[in-house]
C-alpha atoms as a PDB file:
ATOM      1  CA  MET A   1       6.392  15.857 -12.848  1.00  0.00           C
ATOM      2  CA  LYS A   2       3.449  17.832 -11.279  1.00  0.00           C
ATOM      3  CA  ILE A   3      -0.047  16.420 -11.686  1.00  0.00           C
ATOM      4  CA  ALA A   4      -3.660  17.433 -10.977  1.00  0.00           C
ATOM      5  CA  GLY A   5      -6.175  15.176 -10.237  1.00  0.00           C
ATOM      6  CA  PHE A   6      -9.723  16.205 -10.309  1.00  0.00           C
ATOM      7  CA  ASP A   7     -12.695  14.111  -8.879  1.00  0.00           C
ATOM      8  CA  ILE A   8     -15.817  16.161 -10.325  1.00  0.00           C
ATOM      9  CA  GLY A   9     -18.894  15.453  -8.334  1.00  0.00           C
ATOM     10  CA  GLY A  10     -22.428  16.676  -8.411  1.00  0.00           C
ATOM     11  CA  ALA A  11     -22.052  18.604  -5.462  1.00  0.00           C
ATOM     12  CA  ASN A  12     -18.110  19.054  -4.748  1.00  0.00           C
ATOM     13  CA  THR A  13     -15.224  19.162  -7.025  1.00  0.00           C
ATOM     14  CA  ASP A  14     -11.987  17.751  -5.257  1.00  0.00           C
ATOM     15  CA  MET A  15      -8.515  18.179  -6.099  1.00  0.00           C
ATOM     16  CA  ALA A  16      -5.047  16.347  -5.343  1.00  0.00           C
ATOM     17  CA  LEU A  17      -2.246  18.085  -6.693  1.00  0.00           C
ATOM     18  CA  ILE A  18       0.758  15.869  -6.621  1.00  0.00           C
ATOM     19  CA  GLU A  19       4.682  16.447  -7.235  1.00  0.00           C
ATOM     20  CA  PHE A  20       6.057  13.254  -8.090  1.00  0.00           C
ATOM     21  CA  GLY A  21       9.720  12.455  -8.119  1.00  0.00           C
ATOM     22  CA  ALA A  22      11.871  10.715 -10.756  1.00  0.00           C
ATOM     23  CA  ASP A  23      10.874   7.291  -9.223  1.00  0.00           C
ATOM     24  CA  GLY A  24       7.286   7.880  -9.354  1.00  0.00           C
ATOM     25  CA  GLU A  25       7.216   8.413  -5.579  1.00  0.00           C
ATOM     26  CA  MET A  26       4.814  11.213  -4.310  1.00  0.00           C
ATOM     27  CA  LYS A  27       7.141  14.107  -3.038  1.00  0.00           C
ATOM     28  CA  LYS A  28       4.399  16.706  -2.321  1.00  0.00           C
ATOM     29  CA  VAL A  29       0.671  16.684  -2.200  1.00  0.00           C
ATOM     30  CA  ARG A  30      -1.682  19.578  -1.956  1.00  0.00           C
ATOM     31  CA  VAL A  31      -5.369  18.838  -1.721  1.00  0.00           C
ATOM     32  CA  ASP A  32      -8.208  21.541  -2.027  1.00  0.00           C
ATOM     33  CA  PHE A  33     -12.142  21.268  -3.003  1.00  0.00           C
ATOM     34  CA  ARG A  34     -14.956  23.654  -3.929  1.00  0.00           C
ATOM     35  CA  TYR A  35     -18.572  23.249  -3.452  1.00  0.00           C
ATOM     36  CA  LEU A  36     -19.854  23.399  -6.599  1.00  0.00           C
ATOM     37  CA  PRO A  37     -23.652  22.190  -7.254  1.00  0.00           C
ATOM     38  CA  MET A  38     -23.613  21.130 -10.611  1.00  0.00           C
ATOM     39  CA  TRP A  39     -27.274  21.318 -11.134  1.00  0.00           C
ATOM     40  CA  LEU A  40     -27.134  25.060 -10.636  1.00  0.00           C
ATOM     41  CA  LYS A  41     -23.640  26.273 -11.531  1.00  0.00           C
ATOM     42  CA  ARG A  42     -22.021  23.769 -14.330  1.00  0.00           C
ATOM     43  CA  ASP A  43     -21.187  26.486 -16.301  1.00  0.00           C
ATOM     44  CA  GLU A  44     -18.620  27.586 -13.420  1.00  0.00           C
ATOM     45  CA  LEU A  45     -16.670  24.296 -13.811  1.00  0.00           C
ATOM     46  CA  SER A  46     -13.822  25.431 -15.928  1.00  0.00           C
ATOM     47  CA  GLU A  47     -13.174  28.636 -13.462  1.00  0.00           C
ATOM     48  CA  THR A  48     -13.449  26.416 -10.730  1.00  0.00           C
ATOM     49  CA  LEU A  49     -10.771  24.091 -11.813  1.00  0.00           C
ATOM     50  CA  ILE A  50      -8.619  26.936 -12.732  1.00  0.00           C
ATOM     51  CA  GLU A  51      -9.024  28.248  -9.486  1.00  0.00           C
ATOM     52  CA  LEU A  52      -8.339  25.125  -7.394  1.00  0.00           C
ATOM     53  CA  ALA A  53      -4.866  24.809  -9.511  1.00  0.00           C
ATOM     54  CA  GLY A  54      -4.219  28.238  -8.495  1.00  0.00           C
ATOM     55  CA  ASP A  55      -0.570  29.295  -8.838  1.00  0.00           C
ATOM     56  CA  ASP A  56       0.534  25.668  -9.777  1.00  0.00           C
ATOM     57  CA  LEU A  57      -1.438  25.934 -13.025  1.00  0.00           C
ATOM     58  CA  ASP A  58       1.415  26.967 -15.394  1.00  0.00           C
ATOM     59  CA  ASP A  59       3.533  24.155 -13.825  1.00  0.00           C
ATOM     60  CA  LEU A  60       1.323  21.161 -14.450  1.00  0.00           C
ATOM     61  CA  ASP A  61       2.380  18.181 -16.444  1.00  0.00           C
ATOM     62  CA  GLY A  62      -0.850  16.664 -17.072  1.00  0.00           C
ATOM     63  CA  VAL A  63      -4.336  16.684 -15.497  1.00  0.00           C
ATOM     64  CA  GLY A  64      -6.384  13.411 -14.584  1.00  0.00           C
ATOM     65  CA  VAL A  65     -10.308  13.801 -14.138  1.00  0.00           C
ATOM     66  CA  CYS A  66     -12.741  11.272 -12.830  1.00  0.00           C
ATOM     67  CA  MET A  67     -16.673  12.308 -12.530  1.00  0.00           C
ATOM     68  CA  THR A  68     -19.840  11.575 -11.154  1.00  0.00           C
ATOM     69  CA  ALA A  69     -21.510  15.037 -11.847  1.00  0.00           C
ATOM     70  CA  GLU A  70     -22.906  13.622 -15.246  1.00  0.00           C
ATOM     71  CA  LEU A  71     -25.965  12.150 -13.017  1.00  0.00           C
ATOM     72  CA  VAL A  72     -27.117  15.691 -11.998  1.00  0.00           C
ATOM     73  CA  ASP A  73     -30.641  16.661 -13.365  1.00  0.00           C
ATOM     74  CA  ALA A  74     -29.225  19.735 -15.319  1.00  0.00           C
ATOM     75  CA  TYR A  75     -28.377  17.023 -18.060  1.00  0.00           C
ATOM     76  CA  PRO A  76     -31.045  15.209 -19.944  1.00  0.00           C
ATOM     77  CA  SER A  77     -28.609  11.989 -20.059  1.00  0.00           C
ATOM     78  CA  LYS A  78     -25.501  11.086 -18.514  1.00  0.00           C
ATOM     79  CA  ALA A  79     -23.866  10.916 -21.729  1.00  0.00           C
ATOM     80  CA  GLU A  80     -24.645  14.529 -22.263  1.00  0.00           C
ATOM     81  CA  GLY A  81     -23.105  15.207 -18.872  1.00  0.00           C
ATOM     82  CA  VAL A  82     -20.003  13.359 -19.588  1.00  0.00           C
ATOM     83  CA  ILE A  83     -19.392  15.251 -22.808  1.00  0.00           C
ATOM     84  CA  ASP A  84     -20.338  18.956 -21.482  1.00  0.00           C
ATOM     85  CA  ILE A  85     -18.016  17.955 -18.384  1.00  0.00           C
ATOM     86  CA  VAL A  86     -15.258  17.072 -20.926  1.00  0.00           C
ATOM     87  CA  GLU A  87     -15.796  20.128 -22.725  1.00  0.00           C
ATOM     88  CA  SER A  88     -15.363  22.524 -19.793  1.00  0.00           C
ATOM     89  CA  VAL A  89     -12.170  20.387 -18.889  1.00  0.00           C
ATOM     90  CA  GLN A  90     -10.725  20.602 -21.945  1.00  0.00           C
ATOM     91  CA  SER A  91     -11.237  24.503 -22.078  1.00  0.00           C
ATOM     92  CA  ALA A  92      -9.342  24.885 -18.932  1.00  0.00           C
ATOM     93  CA  PHE A  93      -6.050  23.161 -19.465  1.00  0.00           C
ATOM     94  CA  ASP A  94      -3.276  23.131 -22.036  1.00  0.00           C
ATOM     95  CA  VAL A  95      -1.597  20.208 -20.965  1.00  0.00           C
ATOM     96  CA  PRO A  96      -2.427  16.525 -21.638  1.00  0.00           C
ATOM     97  CA  VAL A  97      -5.724  15.615 -20.095  1.00  0.00           C
ATOM     98  CA  ALA A  98      -7.022  12.069 -19.557  1.00  0.00           C
ATOM     99  CA  TYR A  99     -10.154  10.604 -17.967  1.00  0.00           C
ATOM    100  CA  VAL A 100     -10.499   7.632 -15.504  1.00  0.00           C
ATOM    101  CA  SER A 101     -12.622   5.017 -17.301  1.00  0.00           C
ATOM    102  CA  LEU A 102     -13.575   1.409 -16.621  1.00  0.00           C
ATOM    103  CA  SER A 103     -10.975   0.352 -19.030  1.00  0.00           C
ATOM    104  CA  GLY A 104      -8.137   2.661 -17.707  1.00  0.00           C
ATOM    105  CA  MET A 105      -7.191   6.485 -18.685  1.00  0.00           C
ATOM    106  CA  VAL A 106      -8.447   7.787 -22.014  1.00  0.00           C
ATOM    107  CA  ASP A 107      -8.222  10.952 -23.929  1.00  0.00           C
ATOM    108  CA  ALA A 108     -11.060  13.526 -24.546  1.00  0.00           C
ATOM    109  CA  SER A 109     -11.800  12.038 -27.622  1.00  0.00           C
ATOM    110  CA  GLU A 110     -12.231   8.638 -26.391  1.00  0.00           C
ATOM    111  CA  ALA A 111     -14.336   9.656 -23.446  1.00  0.00           C
ATOM    112  CA  VAL A 112     -16.810  11.700 -25.996  1.00  0.00           C
ATOM    113  CA  ARG A 113     -16.886   8.653 -28.331  1.00  0.00           C
ATOM    114  CA  ASP A 114     -17.887   6.214 -25.339  1.00  0.00           C
ATOM    115  CA  PRO A 115     -18.908   8.342 -22.493  1.00  0.00           C
ATOM    116  CA  MET A 116     -20.503   5.462 -20.562  1.00  0.00           C
ATOM    117  CA  ASN A 117     -17.320   4.195 -20.172  1.00  0.00           C
ATOM    118  CA  VAL A 118     -16.109   7.392 -18.228  1.00  0.00           C
ATOM    119  CA  ALA A 119     -19.416   7.922 -16.171  1.00  0.00           C
ATOM    120  CA  ALA A 120     -19.286   7.549 -12.400  1.00  0.00           C
ATOM    121  CA  ALA A 121     -15.818   5.562 -12.786  1.00  0.00           C
ATOM    122  CA  ASN A 122     -14.360   7.403  -9.669  1.00  0.00           C
ATOM    123  CA  TRP A 123     -14.044   4.204  -7.748  1.00  0.00           C
ATOM    124  CA  VAL A 124     -11.510   2.765  -9.980  1.00  0.00           C
ATOM    125  CA  ALA A 125      -9.299   5.533  -9.019  1.00  0.00           C
ATOM    126  CA  THR A 126      -9.700   4.999  -5.323  1.00  0.00           C
ATOM    127  CA  SER A 127      -9.536   1.226  -5.533  1.00  0.00           C
ATOM    128  CA  GLN A 128      -6.096   1.727  -6.896  1.00  0.00           C
ATOM    129  CA  ILE A 129      -4.771   3.166  -3.351  1.00  0.00           C
ATOM    130  CA  ALA A 130      -6.740   0.280  -1.506  1.00  0.00           C
ATOM    131  CA  SER A 131      -4.978  -2.198  -3.801  1.00  0.00           C
ATOM    132  CA  ALA A 132      -1.570  -0.856  -2.705  1.00  0.00           C
ATOM    133  CA  MET A 133      -2.605  -1.480   0.923  1.00  0.00           C
ATOM    134  CA  SER A 134      -4.115  -5.067   0.386  1.00  0.00           C
ATOM    135  CA  SER A 135      -4.347  -7.044  -2.335  1.00  0.00           C
ATOM    136  CA  ASP A 136      -7.450  -8.904  -1.331  1.00  0.00           C
ATOM    137  CA  CYS A 137      -9.937  -6.477   0.447  1.00  0.00           C
ATOM    138  CA  ILE A 138     -13.117  -4.286   0.261  1.00  0.00           C
ATOM    139  CA  MET A 139     -12.758  -0.717  -0.343  1.00  0.00           C
ATOM    140  CA  VAL A 140     -15.244   1.361   1.542  1.00  0.00           C
ATOM    141  CA  ASP A 141     -15.254   4.943   0.579  1.00  0.00           C
ATOM    142  CA  VAL A 142     -17.848   6.885   2.335  1.00  0.00           C
ATOM    143  CA  GLY A 143     -17.943  10.417   0.820  1.00  0.00           C
ATOM    144  CA  SER A 144     -20.662  13.128   1.176  1.00  0.00           C
ATOM    145  CA  THR A 145     -23.341  11.780  -0.866  1.00  0.00           C
ATOM    146  CA  THR A 146     -22.630   8.096  -1.355  1.00  0.00           C
ATOM    147  CA  THR A 147     -20.553   5.083  -0.281  1.00  0.00           C
ATOM    148  CA  ASP A 148     -18.588   2.781  -3.023  1.00  0.00           C
ATOM    149  CA  ILE A 149     -18.083  -0.746  -1.771  1.00  0.00           C
ATOM    150  CA  ILE A 150     -15.404  -2.260  -4.039  1.00  0.00           C
ATOM    151  CA  PRO A 151     -13.920  -5.697  -3.832  1.00  0.00           C
ATOM    152  CA  VAL A 152     -10.344  -5.974  -4.420  1.00  0.00           C
ATOM    153  CA  LYS A 153      -9.084  -9.388  -5.471  1.00  0.00           C
ATOM    154  CA  ASP A 154      -5.220 -10.137  -6.427  1.00  0.00           C
ATOM    155  CA  GLY A 155      -4.490  -6.499  -6.447  1.00  0.00           C
ATOM    156  CA  PHE A 156      -7.192  -5.426  -8.992  1.00  0.00           C
ATOM    157  CA  GLU A 157     -10.599  -3.973  -8.520  1.00  0.00           C
ATOM    158  CA  ALA A 158     -13.181  -6.745  -8.946  1.00  0.00           C
ATOM    159  CA  ALA A 159     -16.442  -4.862  -8.951  1.00  0.00           C
ATOM    160  CA  ARG A 160     -19.467  -7.057 -10.442  1.00  0.00           C
ATOM    161  CA  GLY A 161     -21.281  -3.783 -11.223  1.00  0.00           C
ATOM    162  CA  ARG A 162     -19.780  -1.556 -14.131  1.00  0.00           C
ATOM    163  CA  ASN A 163     -21.923   1.322 -13.889  1.00  0.00           C
ATOM    164  CA  ASP A 164     -23.952   2.871 -11.179  1.00  0.00           C
ATOM    165  CA  LEU A 165     -27.371   1.014 -12.135  1.00  0.00           C
ATOM    166  CA  GLU A 166     -25.528  -2.301 -11.591  1.00  0.00           C
ATOM    167  CA  ARG A 167     -23.569  -1.330  -8.693  1.00  0.00           C
ATOM    168  CA  LEU A 168     -27.083  -0.574  -7.018  1.00  0.00           C
ATOM    169  CA  SER A 169     -27.951  -4.278  -7.467  1.00  0.00           C
ATOM    170  CA  THR A 170     -24.677  -5.854  -6.248  1.00  0.00           C
ATOM    171  CA  GLY A 171     -23.988  -4.068  -2.849  1.00  0.00           C
ATOM    172  CA  GLU A 172     -21.213  -2.015  -4.415  1.00  0.00           C
ATOM    173  CA  LEU A 173     -23.160   1.358  -4.385  1.00  0.00           C
ATOM    174  CA  VAL A 174     -25.062   2.482  -1.360  1.00  0.00           C
ATOM    175  CA  TYR A 175     -26.493   5.801  -1.989  1.00  0.00           C
ATOM    176  CA  THR A 176     -26.020   7.227   1.478  1.00  0.00           C
ATOM    177  CA  GLY A 177     -23.110   9.711   2.693  1.00  0.00           C
ATOM    178  CA  THR A 178     -21.640  11.590   5.513  1.00  0.00           C
ATOM    179  CA  LEU A 179     -23.414  15.009   4.475  1.00  0.00           C
ATOM    180  CA  ARG A 180     -26.054  15.234   1.853  1.00  0.00           C
ATOM    181  CA  THR A 181     -28.254  12.457   2.352  1.00  0.00           C
ATOM    182  CA  ASN A 182     -32.108  13.243   3.563  1.00  0.00           C
ATOM    183  CA  VAL A 183     -32.430  11.556   6.811  1.00  0.00           C
ATOM    184  CA  ALA A 184     -35.883  10.541   5.560  1.00  0.00           C
ATOM    185  CA  THR A 185     -34.394   8.039   3.379  1.00  0.00           C
ATOM    186  CA  ILE A 186     -32.556   6.383   6.305  1.00  0.00           C
ATOM    187  CA  VAL A 187     -35.454   6.125   8.814  1.00  0.00           C
ATOM    188  CA  ASP A 188     -39.400   6.295   8.428  1.00  0.00           C
ATOM    189  CA  ARG A 189     -39.975   6.266  12.107  1.00  0.00           C
ATOM    190  CA  VAL A 190     -37.794   7.021  14.926  1.00  0.00           C
ATOM    191  CA  PRO A 191     -37.837   6.148  18.698  1.00  0.00           C
ATOM    192  CA  LEU A 192     -38.639   8.639  21.446  1.00  0.00           C
ATOM    193  CA  HIS A 193     -40.057   8.779  24.854  1.00  0.00           C
ATOM    194  CA  ASP A 194     -40.655   5.196  24.589  1.00  0.00           C
ATOM    195  CA  LYS A 195     -42.710   5.541  21.553  1.00  0.00           C
ATOM    196  CA  TRP A 196     -42.361   5.384  17.740  1.00  0.00           C
ATOM    197  CA  PHE A 197     -43.022   8.375  15.963  1.00  0.00           C
ATOM    198  CA  ARG A 198     -43.321   8.437  11.977  1.00  0.00           C
ATOM    199  CA  VAL A 199     -41.351  11.273  10.205  1.00  0.00           C
ATOM    200  CA  SER A 200     -41.750  13.666   7.943  1.00  0.00           C
ATOM    201  CA  SER A 201     -40.580  12.952   4.207  1.00  0.00           C
ATOM    202  CA  GLU A 202     -39.563  16.602   3.292  1.00  0.00           C
ATOM    203  CA  LEU A 203     -36.005  17.618   2.910  1.00  0.00           C
ATOM    204  CA  PHE A 204     -35.759  19.209   6.468  1.00  0.00           C
ATOM    205  CA  ALA A 205     -32.555  17.709   7.826  1.00  0.00           C
ATOM    206  CA  ILE A 206     -29.568  15.907   6.118  1.00  0.00           C
ATOM    207  CA  THR A 207     -26.882  13.635   7.697  1.00  0.00           C
ATOM    208  CA  ALA A 208     -24.637  16.412   8.144  1.00  0.00           C
ATOM    209  CA  ASP A 209     -26.973  17.751  10.798  1.00  0.00           C
ATOM    210  CA  VAL A 210     -27.190  14.196  12.447  1.00  0.00           C
ATOM    211  CA  HIS A 211     -23.374  14.029  12.457  1.00  0.00           C
ATOM    212  CA  ARG A 212     -22.868  17.583  13.588  1.00  0.00           C
ATOM    213  CA  VAL A 213     -25.010  17.284  16.618  1.00  0.00           C
ATOM    214  CA  LEU A 214     -23.370  13.925  17.696  1.00  0.00           C
ATOM    215  CA  GLY A 215     -19.710  15.453  17.016  1.00  0.00           C
ATOM    216  CA  ASN A 216     -18.849  12.986  14.361  1.00  0.00           C
ATOM    217  CA  ILE A 217     -18.097  16.040  12.083  1.00  0.00           C
ATOM    218  CA  ARG A 218     -16.761  19.595  12.721  1.00  0.00           C
ATOM    219  CA  GLU A 219     -18.637  22.764  11.536  1.00  0.00           C
ATOM    220  CA  SER A 220     -15.794  23.137   9.031  1.00  0.00           C
ATOM    221  CA  ASP A 221     -16.725  19.687   7.576  1.00  0.00           C
ATOM    222  CA  TYR A 222     -20.321  20.570   6.949  1.00  0.00           C
ATOM    223  CA  THR A 223     -19.357  22.098   3.403  1.00  0.00           C
ATOM    224  CA  CYS A 224     -22.676  21.416   1.515  1.00  0.00           C
ATOM    225  CA  SER A 225     -25.564  23.715   1.643  1.00  0.00           C
ATOM    226  CA  THR A 226     -28.138  23.362   4.420  1.00  0.00           C
ATOM    227  CA  PRO A 227     -31.840  22.437   3.650  1.00  0.00           C
ATOM    228  CA  ASP A 228     -33.247  25.588   5.167  1.00  0.00           C
ATOM    229  CA  GLY A 229     -30.263  27.820   4.234  1.00  0.00           C
ATOM    230  CA  SER A 230     -29.300  28.975   7.627  1.00  0.00           C
ATOM    231  CA  GLY A 231     -26.283  28.178   9.737  1.00  0.00           C
ATOM    232  CA  ARG A 232     -24.342  25.113  10.764  1.00  0.00           C
ATOM    233  CA  SER A 233     -24.231  25.399  14.583  1.00  0.00           C
ATOM    234  CA  ILE A 234     -25.427  22.495  16.976  1.00  0.00           C
ATOM    235  CA  GLU A 235     -28.712  24.704  17.377  1.00  0.00           C
ATOM    236  CA  ASP A 236     -29.043  25.116  13.779  1.00  0.00           C
ATOM    237  CA  CYS A 237     -28.953  21.284  12.921  1.00  0.00           C
ATOM    238  CA  MET A 238     -31.162  20.689  16.127  1.00  0.00           C
ATOM    239  CA  LEU A 239     -33.807  22.592  14.651  1.00  0.00           C
ATOM    240  CA  ARG A 240     -33.674  21.000  11.303  1.00  0.00           C
ATOM    241  CA  ILE A 241     -33.723  17.376  13.127  1.00  0.00           C
ATOM    242  CA  ALA A 242     -36.630  18.504  15.101  1.00  0.00           C
ATOM    243  CA  ARG A 243     -38.604  19.703  11.932  1.00  0.00           C
ATOM    244  CA  VAL A 244     -38.182  15.962  10.877  1.00  0.00           C
ATOM    245  CA  LEU A 245     -40.929  15.010  13.501  1.00  0.00           C
ATOM    246  CA  CYS A 246     -43.016  18.006  12.630  1.00  0.00           C
ATOM    247  CA  ALA A 247     -41.401  19.655  15.818  1.00  0.00           C
ATOM    248  CA  ASP A 248     -39.369  22.545  16.828  1.00  0.00           C
ATOM    249  CA  LEU A 249     -36.721  23.637  19.840  1.00  0.00           C
ATOM    250  CA  GLU A 250     -39.939  24.512  21.744  1.00  0.00           C
ATOM    251  CA  LEU A 251     -41.463  21.180  21.501  1.00  0.00           C
ATOM    252  CA  LEU A 252     -38.314  18.871  21.861  1.00  0.00           C
ATOM    253  CA  GLU A 253     -35.333  19.155  24.082  1.00  0.00           C
ATOM    254  CA  PRO A 254     -31.735  18.651  23.255  1.00  0.00           C
ATOM    255  CA  GLU A 255     -31.705  15.365  24.813  1.00  0.00           C
ATOM    256  CA  ASP A 256     -34.677  14.203  22.815  1.00  0.00           C
ATOM    257  CA  LEU A 257     -32.903  15.213  19.371  1.00  0.00           C
ATOM    258  CA  LEU A 258     -29.677  13.461  20.372  1.00  0.00           C
ATOM    259  CA  GLU A 259     -31.536  10.206  21.182  1.00  0.00           C
ATOM    260  CA  VAL A 260     -33.306  10.717  17.628  1.00  0.00           C
ATOM    261  CA  SER A 261     -30.093  11.273  15.946  1.00  0.00           C
ATOM    262  CA  GLU A 262     -28.260   8.432  17.438  1.00  0.00           C
ATOM    263  CA  TYR A 263     -31.005   6.271  16.286  1.00  0.00           C
ATOM    264  CA  ILE A 264     -30.444   7.665  12.475  1.00  0.00           C
ATOM    265  CA  TYR A 265     -26.753   7.263  12.981  1.00  0.00           C
ATOM    266  CA  HIS A 266     -27.101   3.617  13.903  1.00  0.00           C
ATOM    267  CA  GLN A 267     -29.607   2.990  11.011  1.00  0.00           C
ATOM    268  CA  GLN A 268     -27.186   4.469   8.419  1.00  0.00           C
ATOM    269  CA  ILE A 269     -24.547   2.387   9.632  1.00  0.00           C
ATOM    270  CA  LEU A 270     -26.658  -0.760   9.116  1.00  0.00           C
ATOM    271  CA  LYS A 271     -27.391   0.347   5.488  1.00  0.00           C
ATOM    272  CA  ILE A 272     -23.675   0.550   4.818  1.00  0.00           C
ATOM    273  CA  ALA A 273     -23.112  -2.828   6.803  1.00  0.00           C
ATOM    274  CA  GLU A 274     -25.777  -4.381   4.584  1.00  0.00           C
ATOM    275  CA  GLY A 275     -23.845  -3.432   1.334  1.00  0.00           C
ATOM    276  CA  ILE A 276     -20.388  -4.678   2.790  1.00  0.00           C
ATOM    277  CA  ALA A 277     -21.947  -7.764   4.013  1.00  0.00           C
ATOM    278  CA  GLU A 278     -23.223  -8.538   0.397  1.00  0.00           C
ATOM    279  CA  VAL A 279     -19.931  -8.063  -1.114  1.00  0.00           C
ATOM    280  CA  SER A 280     -17.917  -9.920   1.611  1.00  0.00           C
ATOM    281  CA  GLU A 281     -20.085 -12.944   1.525  1.00  0.00           C
ATOM    282  CA  ARG A 282     -20.192 -13.127  -2.258  1.00  0.00           C
ATOM    283  CA  GLU A 283     -16.242 -12.475  -2.931  1.00  0.00           C
ATOM    284  CA  ASN A 284     -14.938 -14.334   0.473  1.00  0.00           C
ATOM    285  CA  LEU A 285     -13.125 -11.047   1.614  1.00  0.00           C
ATOM    286  CA  ASP A 286     -12.757 -10.376   5.367  1.00  0.00           C
ATOM    287  CA  GLU A 287     -10.754  -6.989   5.378  1.00  0.00           C
ATOM    288  CA  VAL A 288     -11.919  -3.597   4.811  1.00  0.00           C
ATOM    289  CA  ILE A 289     -10.195  -0.636   3.766  1.00  0.00           C
ATOM    290  CA  ALA A 290     -12.078   2.575   4.705  1.00  0.00           C
ATOM    291  CA  THR A 291     -11.521   5.901   3.376  1.00  0.00           C
ATOM    292  CA  GLY A 292     -13.525   9.154   2.688  1.00  0.00           C
ATOM    293  CA  LEU A 293     -15.149  11.739   5.286  1.00  0.00           C
ATOM    294  CA  GLY A 294     -16.912   8.905   6.858  1.00  0.00           C
ATOM    295  CA  MET A 295     -14.156   6.427   6.800  1.00  0.00           C
ATOM    296  CA  ASN A 296     -13.910   6.356  10.843  1.00  0.00           C
ATOM    297  CA  VAL A 297     -17.592   7.192  11.804  1.00  0.00           C
ATOM    298  CA  LEU A 298     -19.348   5.156   9.403  1.00  0.00           C
ATOM    299  CA  ALA A 299     -17.430   2.698   7.346  1.00  0.00           C
ATOM    300  CA  LYS A 300     -14.858   1.405  10.207  1.00  0.00           C
ATOM    301  CA  ARG A 301     -18.532   1.310  12.313  1.00  0.00           C
ATOM    302  CA  ALA A 302     -20.233  -0.833   9.625  1.00  0.00           C
ATOM    303  CA  ALA A 303     -16.814  -3.212   9.597  1.00  0.00           C
ATOM    304  CA  GLU A 304     -17.020  -3.776  13.418  1.00  0.00           C
ATOM    305  CA  ILE A 305     -20.477  -4.574  13.277  1.00  0.00           C
ATOM    306  CA  LEU A 306     -19.816  -7.392  10.920  1.00  0.00           C
ATOM    307  CA  ASP A 307     -16.656  -8.617  12.742  1.00  0.00           C
ATOM    308  CA  LEU A 308     -14.482  -7.559   9.686  1.00  0.00           C
ATOM    309  CA  LYS A 309     -10.808  -6.530  10.048  1.00  0.00           C
ATOM    310  CA  CYS A 310     -10.875  -2.887   9.132  1.00  0.00           C
ATOM    311  CA  ARG A 311      -7.857  -0.529   8.140  1.00  0.00           C
ATOM    312  CA  THR A 312      -8.115   3.184   7.339  1.00  0.00           C
ATOM    313  CA  MET A 313      -6.382   4.834   4.265  1.00  0.00           C
ATOM    314  CA  ASP A 314      -4.859   7.341   6.626  1.00  0.00           C
ATOM    315  CA  GLU A 315      -2.179   4.725   7.131  1.00  0.00           C
ATOM    316  CA  PHE A 316      -1.268   5.505   3.468  1.00  0.00           C
ATOM    317  CA  LEU A 317      -2.658   9.024   3.086  1.00  0.00           C
ATOM    318  CA  THR A 318      -3.030  11.934   5.307  1.00  0.00           C
ATOM    319  CA  GLU A 319      -6.535  12.577   6.903  1.00  0.00           C
ATOM    320  CA  ASP A 320      -7.179  15.256   4.512  1.00  0.00           C
ATOM    321  CA  GLU A 321      -6.030  13.310   1.460  1.00  0.00           C
ATOM    322  CA  CYS A 322      -8.504  10.308   2.560  1.00  0.00           C
ATOM    323  CA  VAL A 323     -11.545  12.996   2.087  1.00  0.00           C
ATOM    324  CA  VAL A 324     -10.460  13.397  -1.537  1.00  0.00           C
ATOM    325  CA  ALA A 325      -9.030  10.076  -2.057  1.00  0.00           C
ATOM    326  CA  PRO A 326     -10.639   9.621  -5.871  1.00  0.00           C
ATOM    327  CA  ALA A 327      -8.573  12.720  -6.739  1.00  0.00           C
ATOM    328  CA  VAL A 328      -5.547  11.294  -5.229  1.00  0.00           C
ATOM    329  CA  GLY A 329      -6.245   8.001  -7.219  1.00  0.00           C
ATOM    330  CA  THR A 330      -6.735   9.778 -10.300  1.00  0.00           C
ATOM    331  CA  ALA A 331      -3.524  11.952 -10.105  1.00  0.00           C
ATOM    332  CA  LEU A 332      -1.795   8.581  -9.656  1.00  0.00           C
ATOM    333  CA  LEU A 333      -3.361   7.001 -12.545  1.00  0.00           C
ATOM    334  CA  MET A 334      -2.569  10.039 -14.639  1.00  0.00           C
ATOM    335  CA  GLU A 335       0.987   9.749 -13.796  1.00  0.00           C
ATOM    336  CA  ASP A 336       1.238   6.244 -14.814  1.00  0.00           C
ATOM    337  CA  TYR A 337      -0.648   7.129 -17.993  1.00  0.00           C
ATOM    338  CA  LEU A 338       1.949   9.875 -19.004  1.00  0.00           C
ATOM    339  CA  GLN A 339       4.879   7.372 -18.214  1.00  0.00           C
ATOM    340  CA  ASN A 340       3.656   4.861 -20.418  1.00  0.00           C
ATOM    341  CA  ARG A 341       2.430   6.850 -23.450  1.00  0.00           C
END
């Protein structure tokens, strides 16, 4: 059986195409993604999904979908976003399609009837993988834009928040990520030359610039748009960070920008650690299962600050599969859904 799992985000659409054996074991996995800013190019979603499926399109037995793109400001409401995304998905495939929801996998008619049950439920898919590694843990998935912090108890997700709004109040959603976060949302001032400097709140630099300068990500990992539309070299990234201090590369030296970047990085770790601590203390859990693009540079570092045990999901998946873990989890849920229909 060959299943495609898609995670349709606001900026990236990820795919995990998994070939399952008769016993339900994963025999072969192919992962891919496309940068698709849904606030600009939502009309290209169907075409993008077909492109990602590629030569496997005609061999698919089913398609599973999770989504967070319904939040983009191209939609007047999240419900309308879900419905539009479902319509695009359904037009792309002629095989059974189901959607990750808070109550399990649902078909298109159920997704349209109760769109808020489907909205931003991608963390449900990822928690399935974490539960296979530890029956009692905190799954921390640091993606390009956000960080999900989901308690798993007795082998099942046990999130207190059931939507993004609620999860923002429970520590289970921290709106910071490896690539797309405006650095001015992380710090309002930075240390330099034994002084404190307030920062500009313009969208001059993002966390991808910080992590690129520090060597936490490769240039190929910088998959989103740059704030100024220029390149992704170390020098390009340093210039964008300099602008946060209303400066440029003539006013600040590379070592200055490394110092500033290290501080921003540490503050981002602390923000994630704060969410993990809230969930850990409330749920009495002391093990973290980390995944996503930032699993080592952010999630693992946050767990270390809190003196929590931490394992990374690349014990179970490859590193590339960890980056698209919600898509992998969605494919696993879809295979189970088809087997039990």
